[in-house]
Amino acid sequence: MNTQFYSYRRRFGQTPAKYISLLIFILPLLNVTSSAQTPTFECKDAQGRKILASRCPLGSTIVKEIEVTPVQNGLGQKPAEKKPTQSLWAKEIEFKERQKQKEEQAALERDKQRRDEEKCYQNQKRLNSLLSGLPITTGENAQGEPILMEDEQRLEEIKKVKEKLKSCRVE
């Protein structure tokens, strides 16, 4: 057994690692060049079935040569154009800015809704006081005495307030 090992070392020399590294380097090159240079044909056999092969089997005829493109990304698709990617930090900042804008917009909407509700409440209160029939003052004269609202003024004021209340929601 020892003699067999010795004869092996003598035959391949003292450095079999050179041969292994040479094979490791050459084999991938052979694979690439052979697949790129091997033509692919579309053949038809005697029954009329299509066959794709590098050589047509006996009894079949070559229809045409097919150009085969190598696989780009392992899925048979060309890689998509790379868009400049944003860092995770930049995406986080943009997200927070959008959230802040949404919150500000929601706050503005809530404030507008509160103002509208307050106007409606004040108009409803004014309409109730006009409809109550109690005397309403419109100001004071030069002597400091209150000036009471006339009936025509009251009716006009009721119409105006009712028009304003039409835009309010009824709950």
Protein backbone atom coordinates (compact mmCIF):
# COMPACT_ATOMS: atom_id res chain seq x y z
CA MET A 1 0.00 0.00 0.00
CA ASN A 2 2.80 2.32 0.80
CA THR A 3 4.40 1.59 -2.57
CA GLN A 4 1.21 2.55 -4.43
CA PHE A 5 1.12 5.95 -2.76
CA TYR A 6 4.79 6.45 -3.55
CA SER A 7 4.30 5.64 -7.25
CA TYR A 8 1.34 8.07 -7.42
CA ARG A 9 3.46 10.86 -6.01
CA ARG A 10 6.24 10.04 -8.41
CA ARG A 11 3.91 10.05 -11.40
CA PHE A 12 2.28 13.45 -10.63
CA GLY A 13 5.26 15.00 -8.97
CA GLN A 14 5.56 16.52 -5.58
CA THR A 15 2.85 19.21 -6.09
CA PRO A 16 -0.56 17.81 -7.07
CA ALA A 17 -2.08 21.07 -5.79
CA LYS A 18 -0.90 22.78 -8.99
CA TYR A 19 -3.00 20.41 -11.10
CA ILE A 20 -6.04 20.87 -8.89
CA SER A 21 -5.80 24.66 -9.02
CA LEU A 22 -5.34 24.52 -12.79
CA LEU A 23 -8.48 22.38 -13.13
CA ILE A 24 -10.44 24.71 -10.86
CA PHE A 25 -9.47 27.62 -13.09
CA ILE A 26 -9.99 25.96 -16.47
CA LEU A 27 -13.27 24.04 -15.91
CA PRO A 28 -15.51 27.12 -15.52
CA LEU A 29 -13.98 28.64 -18.65
CA LEU A 30 -14.71 25.52 -20.63
CA ASN A 31 -18.31 25.53 -19.43
CA VAL A 32 -18.85 29.19 -20.39
CA THR A 33 -17.30 28.90 -23.80
CA SER A 34 -19.05 25.65 -24.67
CA SER A 35 -22.52 26.94 -23.78
CA ALA A 36 -21.98 30.22 -25.60
CA GLN A 37 -20.72 28.58 -28.78
CA THR A 38 -23.03 25.56 -28.99
CA PRO A 39 -25.83 26.19 -31.50
CA THR A 40 -29.36 25.08 -30.71
CA PHE A 41 -31.57 23.74 -33.47
CA GLU A 42 -35.29 23.25 -33.80
CA CYS A 43 -35.82 19.84 -35.38
CA LYS A 44 -38.90 17.88 -36.47
CA ASP A 45 -39.03 14.13 -36.11
CA ALA A 46 -40.95 11.69 -38.31
CA GLN A 47 -44.23 12.26 -36.35
CA GLY A 48 -43.96 16.06 -36.76
CA ARG A 49 -43.06 16.84 -33.13
CA LYS A 50 -40.69 19.72 -32.42
CA ILE A 51 -37.39 18.89 -30.74
CA LEU A 52 -34.87 21.41 -29.41
CA ALA A 53 -31.33 20.02 -29.38
CA SER A 54 -27.73 20.86 -30.14
CA ARG A 55 -27.76 18.00 -32.68
CA CYS A 56 -30.87 16.68 -34.38
CA PRO A 57 -31.53 12.98 -33.77
CA LEU A 58 -31.37 10.52 -36.64
CA GLY A 59 -34.45 10.59 -38.84
CA SER A 60 -35.33 14.22 -38.00
CA THR A 61 -34.85 17.36 -40.06
CA ILE A 62 -33.47 20.76 -39.03
CA VAL A 63 -36.11 23.47 -39.26
CA LYS A 64 -34.07 26.43 -38.06
CA GLU A 65 -31.28 27.47 -35.73
CA ILE A 66 -32.40 29.12 -32.50
CA GLU A 67 -30.39 31.78 -30.71
CA VAL A 68 -30.35 31.11 -26.99
CA THR A 69 -29.56 34.02 -24.73
CA PRO A 70 -27.78 33.26 -21.48
CA VAL A 71 -29.63 33.62 -18.21
CA GLN A 72 -28.86 36.96 -16.59
CA ASN A 73 -30.03 36.71 -13.00
CA GLY A 74 -31.00 33.08 -12.50
CA LEU A 75 -34.67 33.75 -13.25
CA GLY A 76 -34.34 34.04 -17.01
CA GLN A 77 -34.93 37.78 -16.87
CA LYS A 78 -32.63 40.65 -17.52
CA PRO A 79 -31.81 42.56 -14.38
CA ALA A 80 -34.01 45.58 -13.88
CA GLU A 81 -32.45 48.98 -14.17
CA LYS A 82 -31.20 49.97 -10.80
CA LYS A 83 -32.78 53.09 -9.51
CA PRO A 84 -30.87 55.11 -7.02
CA THR A 85 -31.94 53.66 -3.71
CA GLN A 86 -32.55 55.75 -0.68
CA SER A 87 -31.08 54.81 2.58
CA LEU A 88 -33.33 53.49 5.28
CA TRP A 89 -32.69 56.65 7.26
CA ALA A 90 -33.91 58.89 4.40
CA LYS A 91 -37.02 56.77 3.95
CA GLU A 92 -37.73 57.00 7.67
CA ILE A 93 -37.39 60.80 7.59
CA GLU A 94 -39.74 61.07 4.59
CA PHE A 95 -42.27 58.80 6.31
CA LYS A 96 -42.18 60.92 9.47
CA GLU A 97 -42.61 64.11 7.42
CA ARG A 98 -45.64 62.64 5.65
CA GLN A 99 -47.11 61.55 9.00
CA LYS A 100 -46.53 65.05 10.42
CA GLN A 101 -48.24 66.66 7.41
CA LYS A 102 -51.21 64.31 7.77
CA GLU A 103 -51.50 65.15 11.47
CA GLU A 104 -51.31 68.89 10.75
CA GLN A 105 -53.95 68.57 8.04
CA ALA A 106 -56.19 66.59 10.40
CA ALA A 107 -55.72 69.23 13.12
CA LEU A 108 -56.67 72.00 10.66
CA GLU A 109 -59.77 70.05 9.65
CA ARG A 110 -60.75 69.54 13.30
CA ASP A 111 -60.26 73.26 14.04
CA LYS A 112 -62.37 74.26 11.04
CA GLN A 113 -65.08 71.81 12.08
CA ARG A 114 -65.06 73.21 15.64
CA ARG A 115 -65.36 76.79 14.34
CA ASP A 116 -68.26 75.79 12.10
CA GLU A 117 -69.98 73.99 14.96
CA GLU A 118 -69.49 77.03 17.20
CA LYS A 119 -71.01 79.32 14.54
CA CYS A 120 -73.95 76.98 14.17
CA TYR A 121 -74.41 76.87 17.93
CA GLN A 122 -74.32 80.68 18.18
CA ASN A 123 -76.78 81.05 15.27
CA GLN A 124 -79.14 78.50 16.83
CA LYS A 125 -78.96 80.38 20.12
CA ARG A 126 -79.68 83.67 18.31
CA LEU A 127 -82.66 82.12 16.48
CA ASN A 128 -84.09 80.79 19.75
CA SER A 129 -83.84 84.24 21.36
CA LEU A 130 -85.49 85.87 18.30
CA LEU A 131 -88.33 83.34 18.32
CA SER A 132 -88.90 83.62 22.08
CA GLY A 133 -90.82 86.88 21.68
CA LEU A 134 -88.89 88.59 24.47
CA PRO A 135 -87.72 92.14 23.78
CA ILE A 136 -84.28 92.33 22.15
CA THR A 137 -82.10 95.39 22.35
CA THR A 138 -80.11 96.60 19.37
CA GLY A 139 -78.08 99.21 21.22
CA GLU A 140 -78.54 102.42 23.29
CA ASN A 141 -79.63 105.90 22.40
CA ALA A 142 -77.84 109.13 23.36
CA GLN A 143 -79.44 109.18 26.80
CA GLY A 144 -78.27 105.59 27.52
CA GLU A 145 -81.70 104.05 27.15
CA PRO A 146 -81.91 100.64 25.32
CA ILE A 147 -83.25 100.62 21.76
CA LEU A 148 -85.65 97.74 21.22
CA MET A 149 -85.80 95.73 17.99
CA GLU A 150 -88.84 96.41 15.81
CA ASP A 151 -90.99 93.52 14.54
CA GLU A 152 -89.89 94.05 10.91
CA GLN A 153 -86.25 93.93 12.01
CA ARG A 154 -86.96 90.78 14.02
CA LEU A 155 -88.49 89.02 10.98
CA GLU A 156 -85.56 90.01 8.76
CA GLU A 157 -83.09 88.83 11.37
CA ILE A 158 -84.94 85.49 11.71
CA LYS A 159 -84.72 84.98 7.92
CA LYS A 160 -80.97 85.75 7.91
CA VAL A 161 -80.26 83.39 10.81
CA LYS A 162 -82.33 80.59 9.23
CA GLU A 163 -80.32 80.96 5.99
CA LYS A 164 -77.09 80.65 7.96
CA LEU A 165 -78.41 77.55 9.76
CA LYS A 166 -79.15 75.77 6.46
CA SER A 167 -75.42 75.01 6.05
CA CYS A 168 -75.28 73.45 9.52
CA ARG A 169 -75.67 69.75 10.05
CA VAL A 170 -78.78 68.70 11.92
CA GLU A 171 -78.02 66.23 14.71
